[in-house]
C-alpha atoms as a PDB file:
ATOM      1  CA  MET A   1      -9.433  -9.986   7.918  1.00  0.00           C
ATOM      2  CA  SER A   2      -8.361  -6.388   7.746  1.00  0.00           C
ATOM      3  CA  ASP A   3     -10.226  -3.238   6.665  1.00  0.00           C
ATOM      4  CA  LEU A   4      -8.760  -0.422   4.733  1.00  0.00           C
ATOM      5  CA  VAL A   5      -9.638   3.216   5.278  1.00  0.00           C
ATOM      6  CA  PHE A   6      -8.445   6.350   3.296  1.00  0.00           C
ATOM      7  CA  ILE A   7      -9.282   9.710   4.645  1.00  0.00           C
ATOM      8  CA  ALA A   8      -8.405  12.985   2.938  1.00  0.00           C
ATOM      9  CA  PHE A   9      -7.179  16.094   5.042  1.00  0.00           C
ATOM     10  CA  PRO A  10      -6.467  19.660   3.958  1.00  0.00           C
ATOM     11  CA  THR A  11      -2.871  19.520   5.380  1.00  0.00           C
ATOM     12  CA  GLU A  12      -0.169  17.122   6.171  1.00  0.00           C
ATOM     13  CA  GLN A  13      -0.159  18.312   9.767  1.00  0.00           C
ATOM     14  CA  LYS A  14      -3.818  17.407  10.212  1.00  0.00           C
ATOM     15  CA  ALA A  15      -3.256  13.910   8.743  1.00  0.00           C
ATOM     16  CA  GLU A  16      -0.287  13.351  10.977  1.00  0.00           C
ATOM     17  CA  GLU A  17      -2.354  14.565  13.981  1.00  0.00           C
ATOM     18  CA  VAL A  18      -5.047  12.045  13.330  1.00  0.00           C
ATOM     19  CA  ARG A  19      -2.468   9.262  12.732  1.00  0.00           C
ATOM     20  CA  GLN A  20      -0.979  10.067  16.237  1.00  0.00           C
ATOM     21  CA  LYS A  21      -4.545  10.029  17.756  1.00  0.00           C
ATOM     22  CA  VAL A  22      -5.130   6.568  16.195  1.00  0.00           C
ATOM     23  CA  LEU A  23      -1.723   5.273  17.441  1.00  0.00           C
ATOM     24  CA  SER A  24      -2.712   6.463  20.961  1.00  0.00           C
ATOM     25  CA  LEU A  25      -5.993   4.471  20.557  1.00  0.00           C
ATOM     26  CA  GLN A  26      -3.802   1.458  19.669  1.00  0.00           C
ATOM     27  CA  ARG A  27      -1.903   2.012  22.852  1.00  0.00           C
ATOM     28  CA  GLU A  28      -5.159   1.835  24.688  1.00  0.00           C
ATOM     29  CA  TYR A  29      -6.049  -1.483  22.883  1.00  0.00           C
ATOM     30  CA  LEU A  30      -9.195   0.135  21.230  1.00  0.00           C
ATOM     31  CA  ILE A  31      -7.834  -0.558  17.725  1.00  0.00           C
ATOM     32  CA  GLU A  32      -5.201  -2.922  16.196  1.00  0.00           C
ATOM     33  CA  LEU A  33      -3.444  -1.464  13.065  1.00  0.00           C
ATOM     34  CA  GLY A  34      -1.545  -3.228  10.388  1.00  0.00           C
ATOM     35  CA  ASP A  35      -0.333  -0.035   9.023  1.00  0.00           C
ATOM     36  CA  ALA A  36      -0.934   3.725   9.111  1.00  0.00           C
ATOM     37  CA  VAL A  37       0.550   5.843   6.293  1.00  0.00           C
ATOM     38  CA  VAL A  38       0.350   9.582   5.619  1.00  0.00           C
ATOM     39  CA  VAL A  39       0.429  10.458   1.972  1.00  0.00           C
ATOM     40  CA  VAL A  40       1.146  13.939   0.695  1.00  0.00           C
ATOM     41  CA  LYS A  41       0.424  15.294  -2.792  1.00  0.00           C
ATOM     42  CA  ASP A  42       2.474  18.325  -3.591  1.00  0.00           C
ATOM     43  CA  ASP A  43       1.593  21.210  -5.972  1.00  0.00           C
ATOM     44  CA  LYS A  44       3.336  19.344  -8.790  1.00  0.00           C
ATOM     45  CA  GLY A  45       1.146  16.260  -8.302  1.00  0.00           C
ATOM     46  CA  GLN A  46       3.956  14.202  -6.838  1.00  0.00           C
ATOM     47  CA  VAL A  47       2.784  11.771  -4.151  1.00  0.00           C
ATOM     48  CA  LYS A  48       5.110  11.132  -1.120  1.00  0.00           C
ATOM     49  CA  LEU A  49       4.419   8.337   1.428  1.00  0.00           C
ATOM     50  CA  ASN A  50       5.280   8.946   5.111  1.00  0.00           C
ATOM     51  CA  GLN A  51       5.445   5.387   6.422  1.00  0.00           C
ATOM     52  CA  MET A  52       5.084   4.437  10.109  1.00  0.00           C
ATOM     53  CA  LEU A  53       8.275   2.388   9.860  1.00  0.00           C
ATOM     54  CA  ASN A  54      11.300   3.207   7.767  1.00  0.00           C
ATOM     55  CA  LEU A  55      12.281  -0.182   6.396  1.00  0.00           C
ATOM     56  CA  THR A  56      15.375   1.012   4.708  1.00  0.00           C
ATOM     57  CA  ALA A  57      16.931   2.352   7.878  1.00  0.00           C
ATOM     58  CA  ALA A  58      15.808  -0.643   9.975  1.00  0.00           C
ATOM     59  CA  GLY A  59      17.353  -3.035   7.380  1.00  0.00           C
ATOM     60  CA  ALA A  60      20.577  -0.976   7.350  1.00  0.00           C
ATOM     61  CA  ALA A  61      20.847  -1.194  11.160  1.00  0.00           C
ATOM     62  CA  SER A  62      20.092  -4.844  11.280  1.00  0.00           C
ATOM     63  CA  GLY A  63      22.437  -5.538   8.428  1.00  0.00           C
ATOM     64  CA  ALA A  64      25.199  -3.555  10.064  1.00  0.00           C
ATOM     65  CA  LEU A  65      24.939  -5.550  13.200  1.00  0.00           C
ATOM     66  CA  TRP A  66      24.946  -8.979  11.416  1.00  0.00           C
ATOM     67  CA  GLY A  67      27.702  -7.762   9.063  1.00  0.00           C
ATOM     68  CA  THR A  68      29.856  -6.772  12.100  1.00  0.00           C
ATOM     69  CA  LEU A  69      29.352 -10.133  13.718  1.00  0.00           C
ATOM     70  CA  ILE A  70      30.263 -11.965  10.539  1.00  0.00           C
ATOM     71  CA  GLY A  71      33.131  -9.598   9.957  1.00  0.00           C
ATOM     72  CA  PHE A  72      34.570 -10.495  13.254  1.00  0.00           C
ATOM     73  CA  ILE A  73      34.653 -14.199  12.276  1.00  0.00           C
ATOM     74  CA  PHE A  74      36.713 -13.194   9.154  1.00  0.00           C
ATOM     75  CA  LEU A  75      38.780 -10.585  10.947  1.00  0.00           C
ATOM     76  CA  ALA A  76      37.346  -7.795   8.894  1.00  0.00           C
ATOM     77  CA  PRO A  77      34.640  -6.190  11.068  1.00  0.00           C
ATOM     78  CA  LEU A  78      34.557  -2.711   9.218  1.00  0.00           C
ATOM     79  CA  LEU A  79      34.108  -4.390   5.841  1.00  0.00           C
ATOM     80  CA  GLY A  80      31.484  -6.762   7.291  1.00  0.00           C
ATOM     81  CA  THR A  81      29.666  -3.714   8.787  1.00  0.00           C
ATOM     82  CA  ALA A  82      29.707  -1.778   5.501  1.00  0.00           C
ATOM     83  CA  LEU A  83      28.611  -4.798   3.402  1.00  0.00           C
ATOM     84  CA  GLY A  84      25.887  -5.781   6.072  1.00  0.00           C
ATOM     85  CA  ALA A  85      24.570  -2.186   6.193  1.00  0.00           C
ATOM     86  CA  ALA A  86      24.428  -1.966   2.389  1.00  0.00           C
ATOM     87  CA  SER A  87      22.680  -5.243   1.980  1.00  0.00           C
ATOM     88  CA  GLY A  88      20.332  -4.607   4.833  1.00  0.00           C
ATOM     89  CA  ALA A  89      19.340  -1.226   3.365  1.00  0.00           C
ATOM     90  CA  LEU A  90      18.721  -2.703  -0.024  1.00  0.00           C
ATOM     91  CA  GLY A  91      16.658  -5.472   1.502  1.00  0.00           C
ATOM     92  CA  GLY A  92      14.599  -3.025   3.496  1.00  0.00           C
ATOM     93  CA  LYS A  93      13.991  -0.829   0.495  1.00  0.00           C
ATOM     94  CA  LEU A  94      12.785  -3.709  -1.598  1.00  0.00           C
ATOM     95  CA  SER A  95      10.487  -5.144   1.091  1.00  0.00           C
ATOM     96  CA  ASP A  96       6.942  -3.888   1.501  1.00  0.00           C
ATOM     97  CA  VAL A  97       4.739  -4.635   4.586  1.00  0.00           C
ATOM     98  CA  GLY A  98       1.375  -3.365   5.233  1.00  0.00           C
ATOM     99  CA  ILE A  99      -0.449  -1.534   2.521  1.00  0.00           C
ATOM    100  CA  ASN A 100       0.885  -1.938  -0.976  1.00  0.00           C
ATOM    101  CA  ASP A 101       2.825   1.308  -1.883  1.00  0.00           C
ATOM    102  CA  LYS A 102       1.684   1.278  -5.561  1.00  0.00           C
ATOM    103  CA  PHE A 103      -1.870   1.043  -4.442  1.00  0.00           C
ATOM    104  CA  MET A 104      -1.513   3.971  -2.050  1.00  0.00           C
ATOM    105  CA  LYS A 105       0.113   6.135  -4.794  1.00  0.00           C
ATOM    106  CA  ASP A 106      -2.610   5.322  -7.277  1.00  0.00           C
ATOM    107  CA  ALA A 107      -5.353   6.099  -4.680  1.00  0.00           C
ATOM    108  CA  ALA A 108      -3.664   9.287  -3.531  1.00  0.00           C
ATOM    109  CA  SER A 109      -3.740  10.550  -7.122  1.00  0.00           C
ATOM    110  CA  ALA A 110      -7.406  11.519  -6.273  1.00  0.00           C
ATOM    111  CA  LEU A 111      -6.250  14.014  -3.734  1.00  0.00           C
ATOM    112  CA  GLU A 112      -6.129  17.676  -4.573  1.00  0.00           C
ATOM    113  CA  PRO A 113      -2.637  19.257  -4.849  1.00  0.00           C
ATOM    114  CA  ASN A 114      -1.117  20.512  -1.470  1.00  0.00           C
ATOM    115  CA  THR A 115      -3.378  18.143   0.511  1.00  0.00           C
ATOM    116  CA  ALA A 116      -2.696  15.019   2.459  1.00  0.00           C
ATOM    117  CA  GLY A 117      -4.462  11.745   3.295  1.00  0.00           C
ATOM    118  CA  LEU A 118      -4.286   9.010   5.777  1.00  0.00           C
ATOM    119  CA  PHE A 119      -4.345   5.205   5.052  1.00  0.00           C
ATOM    120  CA  LEU A 120      -5.285   2.964   7.830  1.00  0.00           C
ATOM    121  CA  LEU A 121      -5.163  -0.863   7.709  1.00  0.00           C
ATOM    122  CA  ILE A 122      -7.318  -1.907  10.545  1.00  0.00           C
ATOM    123  CA  ARG A 123      -7.186  -5.458  11.907  1.00  0.00           C
ATOM    124  CA  LYS A 124      -9.639  -5.030  14.790  1.00  0.00           C
ATOM    125  CA  MET A 125     -11.287  -2.092  16.507  1.00  0.00           C
ATOM    126  CA  THR A 126     -13.849  -1.253  19.164  1.00  0.00           C
ATOM    127  CA  THR A 127     -15.997   0.671  16.611  1.00  0.00           C
ATOM    128  CA  ASP A 128     -18.129   2.836  18.984  1.00  0.00           C
ATOM    129  CA  LYS A 129     -15.181   4.028  21.118  1.00  0.00           C
ATOM    130  CA  VAL A 130     -12.815   4.607  18.103  1.00  0.00           C
ATOM    131  CA  LEU A 131     -15.525   6.648  16.287  1.00  0.00           C
ATOM    132  CA  ALA A 132     -16.261   8.673  19.396  1.00  0.00           C
ATOM    133  CA  ASP A 133     -12.584   9.568  19.671  1.00  0.00           C
ATOM    134  CA  LEU A 134     -12.287  10.488  16.004  1.00  0.00           C
ATOM    135  CA  LYS A 135     -15.479  12.571  16.024  1.00  0.00           C
ATOM    136  CA  GLY A 136     -13.485  15.924  16.070  1.00  0.00           C
ATOM    137  CA  ALA A 137     -10.855  14.794  13.565  1.00  0.00           C
ATOM    138  CA  GLY A 138     -12.368  16.186  10.402  1.00  0.00           C
ATOM    139  CA  GLY A 139     -11.404  14.943   6.955  1.00  0.00           C
ATOM    140  CA  VAL A 140     -13.298  13.455   4.082  1.00  0.00           C
ATOM    141  CA  LEU A 141     -13.649   9.641   3.708  1.00  0.00           C
ATOM    142  CA  ILE A 142     -12.415   8.730   0.185  1.00  0.00           C
ATOM    143  CA  ARG A 143     -12.341   4.878   0.259  1.00  0.00           C
ATOM    144  CA  THR A 144     -12.978   2.099   2.660  1.00  0.00           C
ATOM    145  CA  SER A 145     -13.675  -1.635   2.847  1.00  0.00           C
ATOM    146  CA  PHE A 146     -16.079  -1.374   5.726  1.00  0.00           C
ATOM    147  CA  ASP A 147     -19.583  -2.575   5.406  1.00  0.00           C
ATOM    148  CA  GLU A 148     -22.284   0.027   4.794  1.00  0.00           C
ATOM    149  CA  THR A 149     -23.179   0.592   8.405  1.00  0.00           C
ATOM    150  CA  LYS A 150     -19.602   1.149   9.650  1.00  0.00           C
ATOM    151  CA  GLU A 151     -18.812   3.359   6.576  1.00  0.00           C
ATOM    152  CA  ALA A 152     -21.843   5.485   7.295  1.00  0.00           C
ATOM    153  CA  ALA A 153     -20.911   5.852  10.942  1.00  0.00           C
ATOM    154  CA  LEU A 154     -17.331   6.897  10.040  1.00  0.00           C
ATOM    155  CA  ARG A 155     -18.730   9.412   7.355  1.00  0.00           C
ATOM    156  CA  GLU A 156     -21.088  10.806  10.010  1.00  0.00           C
ATOM    157  CA  ALA A 157     -18.345  11.233  12.638  1.00  0.00           C
ATOM    158  CA  LEU A 158     -16.122  12.996  10.062  1.00  0.00           C
ATOM    159  CA  ALA A 159     -18.969  15.194   8.787  1.00  0.00           C
ATOM    160  CA  ALA A 160     -19.956  16.122  12.390  1.00  0.00           C
ATOM    161  CA  ALA A 161     -16.531  17.587  12.880  1.00  0.00           C
ATOM    162  CA  ALA A 162     -16.646  19.443   9.614  1.00  0.00           C
ATOM    163  CA  SER A 163     -20.006  20.985  10.321  1.00  0.00           C
ATOM    164  CA  SER A 164     -19.141  21.997  13.883  1.00  0.00           C
ATOM    165  CA  GLU A 165     -15.908  23.670  12.627  1.00  0.00           C
ATOM    166  CA  ALA A 166     -17.820  25.510  10.011  1.00  0.00           C
ATOM    167  CA  ALA A 167     -20.556  26.624  12.482  1.00  0.00           C
ATOM    168  CA  ALA A 168     -17.984  27.849  15.130  1.00  0.00           C
ATOM    169  CA  PRO A 169     -16.555  30.728  12.993  1.00  0.00           C
ATOM    170  CA  ALA A 170     -20.057  31.825  11.889  1.00  0.00           C
ATOM    171  CA  ALA A 171     -21.239  32.144  15.532  1.00  0.00           C
ATOM    172  CA  THR A 172     -18.504  34.645  16.461  1.00  0.00           C
END
């Protein structure tokens, strides 16, 4: 069973930085992700999703390859490439893997304008090591499907970063 985490950040750059940190933890086999999406809410209240994988582009590339191969059979490779790319792009646009896009847009409406958030769909993780690596990340936990102890540990790790950042300028 997977767990869902939604963390708000003051900027898109900070959310993307944390996503890259989590992806590096995945390369170290400390966490296994189903999806990691950065959402951005602009000053007009529009929500934009920055998916990890662009399914439209991947579908177009795959469709173009298959269309070319089929086109060679019917002696029209350019027509096959064009039709394959168009159908693959349409298929990629209509498919949705990972976290449901409508759910993310609805949840992201809770963000303040000109801020961002990070959705993580976590399949497995080594909790103590991941939380230790995220301790300096900052952000505010908006929603999670963790049990109370894991959620409290994540809130504490994020709050520790926020309090240490606030204390640092005061000390100078």
